[in-house]
Amino acid sequence: MSKKENNKKINKKINKEAKWRTKVESDKQLVNFIDKCELTKEFPNQIKKDNIKVLIILSKLNSQDLNDFEKKLIKKYQKAKMRIMKAEIIYEKICYNKVNDEKKEKKEKKANRTSE
């Protein structure tokens, strides 16, 4: 494989990861916004489809009579929460591995010093 092809592969991988990180960040903002909001009784019954508050209300209600749009909004909220959880698990694994690698390096350095 040429150097150019190799760089292309690496760049593709980096871009994919960057998109994934951006998606997780937007998911976090969405979920945080929804979780902080409170339901009010005065909230209007007719809500525009592009209004984020629809999602706030629906995510906190367990109503059986939801239309397809409302179901899609709830699914979007749930998927966002799942992606955040997965990202946190991956992040924890990366941090855990990093700490373990650092500990191994320190032990190896210590072992090298004592053997010299």
N, C-alpha and C. Protein backbone atom coordinates (compact mmCIF):
# COMPACT_ATOMS: atom_id res chain seq x y z
N MET A 1 0.85 -1.19 0.00
CA MET A 1 0.00 0.00 0.00
C MET A 1 0.89 1.24 0.00
N SER A 2 0.57 2.16 -0.87
CA SER A 2 1.36 3.38 -0.96
C SER A 2 1.07 4.30 0.23
N LYS A 3 1.96 5.26 0.40
CA LYS A 3 1.82 6.21 1.50
C LYS A 3 0.54 7.04 1.34
N LYS A 4 0.23 7.39 0.08
CA LYS A 4 -0.96 8.19 -0.23
C LYS A 4 -2.24 7.44 0.17
N GLU A 5 -2.30 6.14 -0.20
CA GLU A 5 -3.47 5.31 0.15
C GLU A 5 -3.60 5.17 1.66
N ASN A 6 -2.48 4.98 2.32
CA ASN A 6 -2.47 4.83 3.78
C ASN A 6 -2.99 6.09 4.46
N ASN A 7 -2.52 7.26 3.99
CA ASN A 7 -2.98 8.54 4.55
C ASN A 7 -4.47 8.73 4.32
N LYS A 8 -4.94 8.31 3.14
CA LYS A 8 -6.37 8.42 2.81
C LYS A 8 -7.20 7.59 3.81
N LYS A 9 -6.73 6.38 4.10
CA LYS A 9 -7.42 5.49 5.04
C LYS A 9 -7.46 6.11 6.43
N ILE A 10 -6.33 6.64 6.86
CA ILE A 10 -6.23 7.25 8.19
C ILE A 10 -7.17 8.45 8.29
N ASN A 11 -7.16 9.32 7.26
CA ASN A 11 -8.03 10.50 7.26
C ASN A 11 -9.50 10.12 7.30
N LYS A 12 -9.85 9.06 6.59
CA LYS A 12 -11.23 8.59 6.57
C LYS A 12 -11.65 8.15 7.98
N LYS A 13 -10.77 7.44 8.66
CA LYS A 13 -11.04 6.97 10.01
C LYS A 13 -11.19 8.15 10.98
N ILE A 14 -10.31 9.14 10.85
CA ILE A 14 -10.35 10.33 11.71
C ILE A 14 -11.65 11.09 11.50
N ASN A 15 -12.05 11.27 10.23
CA ASN A 15 -13.30 11.98 9.93
C ASN A 15 -14.51 11.26 10.50
N LYS A 16 -14.51 9.94 10.40
CA LYS A 16 -15.62 9.14 10.92
C LYS A 16 -15.74 9.33 12.42
N GLU A 17 -14.61 9.29 13.12
CA GLU A 17 -14.61 9.47 14.58
C GLU A 17 -15.05 10.88 14.95
N ALA A 18 -14.62 11.87 14.18
CA ALA A 18 -15.00 13.26 14.46
C ALA A 18 -16.51 13.45 14.32
N LYS A 19 -17.09 12.85 13.29
CA LYS A 19 -18.54 12.94 13.10
C LYS A 19 -19.27 12.30 14.27
N TRP A 20 -18.76 11.14 14.72
CA TRP A 20 -19.39 10.42 15.83
C TRP A 20 -19.33 11.26 17.11
N ARG A 21 -18.18 11.88 17.38
CA ARG A 21 -18.03 12.73 18.57
C ARG A 21 -18.97 13.93 18.52
N THR A 22 -19.11 14.53 17.34
CA THR A 22 -20.02 15.67 17.16
C THR A 22 -21.45 15.24 17.44
N LYS A 23 -21.82 14.07 16.95
CA LYS A 23 -23.17 13.54 17.15
C LYS A 23 -23.43 13.33 18.65
N VAL A 24 -22.47 12.77 19.34
CA VAL A 24 -22.63 12.53 20.78
C VAL A 24 -22.78 13.85 21.53
N GLU A 25 -22.00 14.85 21.15
CA GLU A 25 -22.10 16.16 21.80
C GLU A 25 -23.48 16.78 21.59
N SER A 26 -24.01 16.70 20.37
CA SER A 26 -25.34 17.26 20.11
C SER A 26 -26.40 16.46 20.87
N ASP A 27 -26.20 15.15 20.98
CA ASP A 27 -27.12 14.32 21.76
C ASP A 27 -27.12 14.76 23.23
N LYS A 28 -25.94 15.04 23.76
CA LYS A 28 -25.84 15.46 25.16
C LYS A 28 -26.59 16.76 25.39
N GLN A 29 -26.43 17.70 24.46
CA GLN A 29 -27.12 18.99 24.58
C GLN A 29 -28.63 18.79 24.56
N LEU A 30 -29.10 17.95 23.64
CA LEU A 30 -30.53 17.68 23.51
C LEU A 30 -31.08 17.06 24.79
N VAL A 31 -30.43 16.01 25.26
CA VAL A 31 -30.91 15.30 26.45
C VAL A 31 -30.85 16.19 27.69
N ASN A 32 -29.78 16.95 27.85
CA ASN A 32 -29.67 17.86 28.99
C ASN A 32 -30.78 18.89 28.98
N PHE A 33 -31.06 19.44 27.79
CA PHE A 33 -32.12 20.44 27.66
C PHE A 33 -33.47 19.84 28.04
N ILE A 34 -33.74 18.65 27.55
CA ILE A 34 -35.02 17.98 27.82
C ILE A 34 -35.15 17.65 29.31
N ASP A 35 -34.10 17.08 29.87
CA ASP A 35 -34.15 16.65 31.27
C ASP A 35 -34.32 17.83 32.23
N LYS A 36 -33.85 19.00 31.89
CA LYS A 36 -33.95 20.17 32.77
C LYS A 36 -35.33 20.82 32.73
N CYS A 37 -36.07 20.58 31.65
CA CYS A 37 -37.37 21.24 31.50
C CYS A 37 -38.45 20.61 32.38
N GLU A 38 -39.34 21.43 32.81
CA GLU A 38 -40.47 20.98 33.62
C GLU A 38 -41.75 21.04 32.80
N LEU A 39 -42.67 20.13 33.09
CA LEU A 39 -43.96 20.16 32.41
C LEU A 39 -44.85 21.20 33.07
N THR A 40 -45.57 21.93 32.27
CA THR A 40 -46.53 22.89 32.82
C THR A 40 -47.91 22.57 32.28
N LYS A 41 -48.94 22.77 33.11
CA LYS A 41 -50.31 22.47 32.70
C LYS A 41 -50.81 23.45 31.66
N GLU A 42 -50.25 24.65 31.64
CA GLU A 42 -50.70 25.67 30.69
C GLU A 42 -50.14 25.45 29.29
N PHE A 43 -49.35 24.42 29.13
CA PHE A 43 -48.71 24.20 27.83
C PHE A 43 -49.77 23.98 26.75
N PRO A 44 -49.64 24.67 25.62
CA PRO A 44 -50.67 24.58 24.56
C PRO A 44 -50.78 23.18 23.96
N ASN A 45 -52.00 22.85 23.57
CA ASN A 45 -52.23 21.54 22.97
C ASN A 45 -51.70 21.47 21.54
N GLN A 46 -51.83 22.56 20.83
CA GLN A 46 -51.35 22.59 19.44
C GLN A 46 -49.90 23.07 19.42
N ILE A 47 -49.00 22.18 19.05
CA ILE A 47 -47.58 22.53 19.04
C ILE A 47 -47.04 22.29 17.63
N LYS A 48 -46.24 23.22 17.15
CA LYS A 48 -45.64 23.06 15.83
C LYS A 48 -44.67 21.89 15.83
N LYS A 49 -44.60 21.20 14.72
CA LYS A 49 -43.76 20.00 14.63
C LYS A 49 -42.28 20.29 14.81
N ASP A 50 -41.84 21.49 14.45
CA ASP A 50 -40.41 21.79 14.58
C ASP A 50 -40.04 22.30 15.97
N ASN A 51 -41.01 22.35 16.86
CA ASN A 51 -40.75 22.87 18.20
C ASN A 51 -40.16 21.79 19.09
N ILE A 52 -39.03 22.08 19.70
CA ILE A 52 -38.33 21.12 20.55
C ILE A 52 -39.13 20.77 21.79
N LYS A 53 -40.04 21.66 22.22
CA LYS A 53 -40.81 21.41 23.44
C LYS A 53 -41.75 20.22 23.29
N VAL A 54 -42.09 19.88 22.06
CA VAL A 54 -42.90 18.68 21.82
C VAL A 54 -42.16 17.48 22.41
N LEU A 55 -40.89 17.44 22.11
CA LEU A 55 -40.06 16.33 22.55
C LEU A 55 -39.96 16.29 24.07
N ILE A 56 -39.89 17.46 24.69
CA ILE A 56 -39.80 17.56 26.14
C ILE A 56 -41.04 16.92 26.78
N ILE A 57 -42.19 17.31 26.31
CA ILE A 57 -43.43 16.81 26.89
C ILE A 57 -43.56 15.31 26.65
N LEU A 58 -43.35 14.91 25.41
CA LEU A 58 -43.57 13.51 25.06
C LEU A 58 -42.59 12.57 25.74
N SER A 59 -41.37 13.05 25.98
CA SER A 59 -40.38 12.19 26.61
C SER A 59 -40.75 11.92 28.07
N LYS A 60 -41.57 12.79 28.65
CA LYS A 60 -41.94 12.62 30.05
C LYS A 60 -43.33 12.02 30.23
N LEU A 61 -44.03 11.79 29.14
CA LEU A 61 -45.36 11.21 29.21
C LEU A 61 -45.32 9.79 28.67
N ASN A 62 -46.12 8.92 29.25
CA ASN A 62 -46.22 7.56 28.72
C ASN A 62 -47.62 7.34 28.18
N SER A 63 -47.99 8.16 27.22
CA SER A 63 -49.33 8.10 26.64
C SER A 63 -49.39 7.04 25.55
N GLN A 64 -50.51 6.35 25.48
CA GLN A 64 -50.69 5.32 24.47
C GLN A 64 -51.13 5.90 23.13
N ASP A 65 -51.86 7.02 23.14
CA ASP A 65 -52.38 7.57 21.90
C ASP A 65 -51.45 8.65 21.33
N LEU A 66 -50.33 8.20 20.80
CA LEU A 66 -49.38 9.10 20.17
C LEU A 66 -49.41 8.86 18.66
N ASN A 67 -49.26 9.94 17.89
CA ASN A 67 -49.18 9.75 16.44
C ASN A 67 -47.75 9.38 16.04
N ASP A 68 -47.54 9.09 14.77
CA ASP A 68 -46.23 8.63 14.29
C ASP A 68 -45.13 9.65 14.55
N PHE A 69 -45.44 10.93 14.34
CA PHE A 69 -44.44 11.98 14.56
C PHE A 69 -43.99 11.99 16.02
N GLU A 70 -44.95 11.90 16.93
CA GLU A 70 -44.62 11.91 18.36
C GLU A 70 -43.79 10.69 18.73
N LYS A 71 -44.13 9.54 18.16
CA LYS A 71 -43.35 8.31 18.43
C LYS A 71 -41.92 8.46 17.93
N LYS A 72 -41.76 9.10 16.76
CA LYS A 72 -40.42 9.32 16.21
C LYS A 72 -39.60 10.22 17.13
N LEU A 73 -40.24 11.25 17.68
CA LEU A 73 -39.54 12.16 18.59
C LEU A 73 -39.06 11.42 19.84
N ILE A 74 -39.92 10.58 20.38
CA ILE A 74 -39.54 9.82 21.57
C ILE A 74 -38.37 8.89 21.24
N LYS A 75 -38.44 8.23 20.08
CA LYS A 75 -37.35 7.34 19.67
C LYS A 75 -36.05 8.11 19.53
N LYS A 76 -36.14 9.32 18.96
CA LYS A 76 -34.95 10.15 18.78
C LYS A 76 -34.32 10.47 20.14
N TYR A 77 -35.16 10.81 21.10
CA TYR A 77 -34.69 11.11 22.46
C TYR A 77 -34.03 9.87 23.08
N GLN A 78 -34.68 8.72 22.93
CA GLN A 78 -34.15 7.49 23.52
C GLN A 78 -32.83 7.08 22.85
N LYS A 79 -32.76 7.23 21.53
CA LYS A 79 -31.52 6.90 20.82
C LYS A 79 -30.39 7.82 21.26
N ALA A 80 -30.71 9.10 21.45
CA ALA A 80 -29.70 10.07 21.90
C ALA A 80 -29.16 9.64 23.26
N LYS A 81 -30.05 9.24 24.16
CA LYS A 81 -29.61 8.79 25.49
C LYS A 81 -28.72 7.56 25.39
N MET A 82 -29.10 6.63 24.50
CA MET A 82 -28.30 5.40 24.34
C MET A 82 -26.91 5.72 23.78
N ARG A 83 -26.84 6.61 22.79
CA ARG A 83 -25.53 6.97 22.22
C ARG A 83 -24.64 7.61 23.27
N ILE A 84 -25.23 8.43 24.13
CA ILE A 84 -24.45 9.06 25.20
C ILE A 84 -23.91 8.00 26.15
N MET A 85 -24.77 7.04 26.52
CA MET A 85 -24.33 5.97 27.42
C MET A 85 -23.19 5.18 26.80
N LYS A 86 -23.32 4.83 25.51
CA LYS A 86 -22.26 4.08 24.83
C LYS A 86 -20.97 4.89 24.80
N ALA A 87 -21.09 6.18 24.52
CA ALA A 87 -19.90 7.05 24.47
C ALA A 87 -19.21 7.09 25.82
N GLU A 88 -20.00 7.17 26.90
CA GLU A 88 -19.42 7.21 28.25
C GLU A 88 -18.72 5.90 28.57
N ILE A 89 -19.30 4.78 28.16
CA ILE A 89 -18.68 3.47 28.40
C ILE A 89 -17.36 3.38 27.65
N ILE A 90 -17.37 3.80 26.38
CA ILE A 90 -16.15 3.76 25.57
C ILE A 90 -15.08 4.66 26.19
N TYR A 91 -15.50 5.86 26.62
CA TYR A 91 -14.57 6.81 27.23
C TYR A 91 -13.95 6.22 28.50
N GLU A 92 -14.79 5.57 29.32
CA GLU A 92 -14.28 4.95 30.54
C GLU A 92 -13.26 3.87 30.22
N LYS A 93 -13.54 3.07 29.19
CA LYS A 93 -12.60 2.00 28.80
C LYS A 93 -11.28 2.60 28.35
N ILE A 94 -11.37 3.66 27.55
CA ILE A 94 -10.15 4.31 27.05
C ILE A 94 -9.33 4.84 28.23
N CYS A 95 -10.00 5.52 29.17
CA CYS A 95 -9.30 6.08 30.34
C CYS A 95 -8.70 4.96 31.19
N TYR A 96 -9.47 3.87 31.38
CA TYR A 96 -9.01 2.74 32.18
C TYR A 96 -7.77 2.13 31.54
N ASN A 97 -7.82 1.93 30.22
CA ASN A 97 -6.67 1.35 29.51
C ASN A 97 -5.46 2.27 29.58
N LYS A 98 -5.70 3.58 29.48
CA LYS A 98 -4.61 4.56 29.53
C LYS A 98 -3.91 4.49 30.89
N VAL A 99 -4.70 4.43 31.96
CA VAL A 99 -4.15 4.36 33.32
C VAL A 99 -3.35 3.08 33.49
N ASN A 100 -3.92 1.96 33.01
CA ASN A 100 -3.21 0.68 33.11
C ASN A 100 -1.91 0.69 32.32
N ASP A 101 -1.93 1.30 31.13
CA ASP A 101 -0.72 1.39 30.31
C ASP A 101 0.34 2.22 31.03
N GLU A 102 -0.09 3.32 31.67
CA GLU A 102 0.86 4.16 32.40
C GLU A 102 1.47 3.39 33.57
N LYS A 103 0.65 2.61 34.27
CA LYS A 103 1.15 1.81 35.39
C LYS A 103 2.16 0.78 34.90
N LYS A 104 1.86 0.13 33.77
CA LYS A 104 2.78 -0.86 33.20
C LYS A 104 4.11 -0.21 32.82
N GLU A 105 4.02 0.96 32.21
CA GLU A 105 5.24 1.68 31.81
C GLU A 105 6.10 2.01 33.02
N LYS A 106 5.47 2.48 34.11
CA LYS A 106 6.21 2.81 35.32
C LYS A 106 6.89 1.57 35.89
N LYS A 107 6.17 0.44 35.90
CA LYS A 107 6.75 -0.81 36.41
C LYS A 107 7.94 -1.25 35.55
N GLU A 108 7.77 -1.13 34.23
CA GLU A 108 8.86 -1.52 33.32
C GLU A 108 10.08 -0.62 33.51
N LYS A 109 9.84 0.69 33.65
CA LYS A 109 10.95 1.61 33.88
C LYS A 109 11.67 1.28 35.18
N LYS A 110 10.86 0.98 36.21
CA LYS A 110 11.43 0.65 37.52
C LYS A 110 12.25 -0.65 37.43
N ALA A 111 11.68 -1.62 36.71
CA ALA A 111 12.37 -2.90 36.52
C ALA A 111 13.66 -2.70 35.74
N ASN A 112 13.64 -1.84 34.74
CA ASN A 112 14.84 -1.56 33.95
C ASN A 112 15.92 -0.89 34.79
N ARG A 113 15.49 0.04 35.67
CA ARG A 113 16.44 0.74 36.54
C ARG A 113 17.09 -0.22 37.53
N THR A 114 16.29 -1.11 38.10
CA THR A 114 16.82 -2.03 39.10
C THR A 114 17.71 -3.09 38.46
N SER A 115 17.45 -3.44 37.22
CA SER A 115 18.27 -4.46 36.55
C SER A 115 19.60 -3.91 36.06
N GLU A 116 19.70 -2.59 35.93
CA GLU A 116 20.94 -1.99 35.43
C GLU A 116 22.03 -1.94 36.43
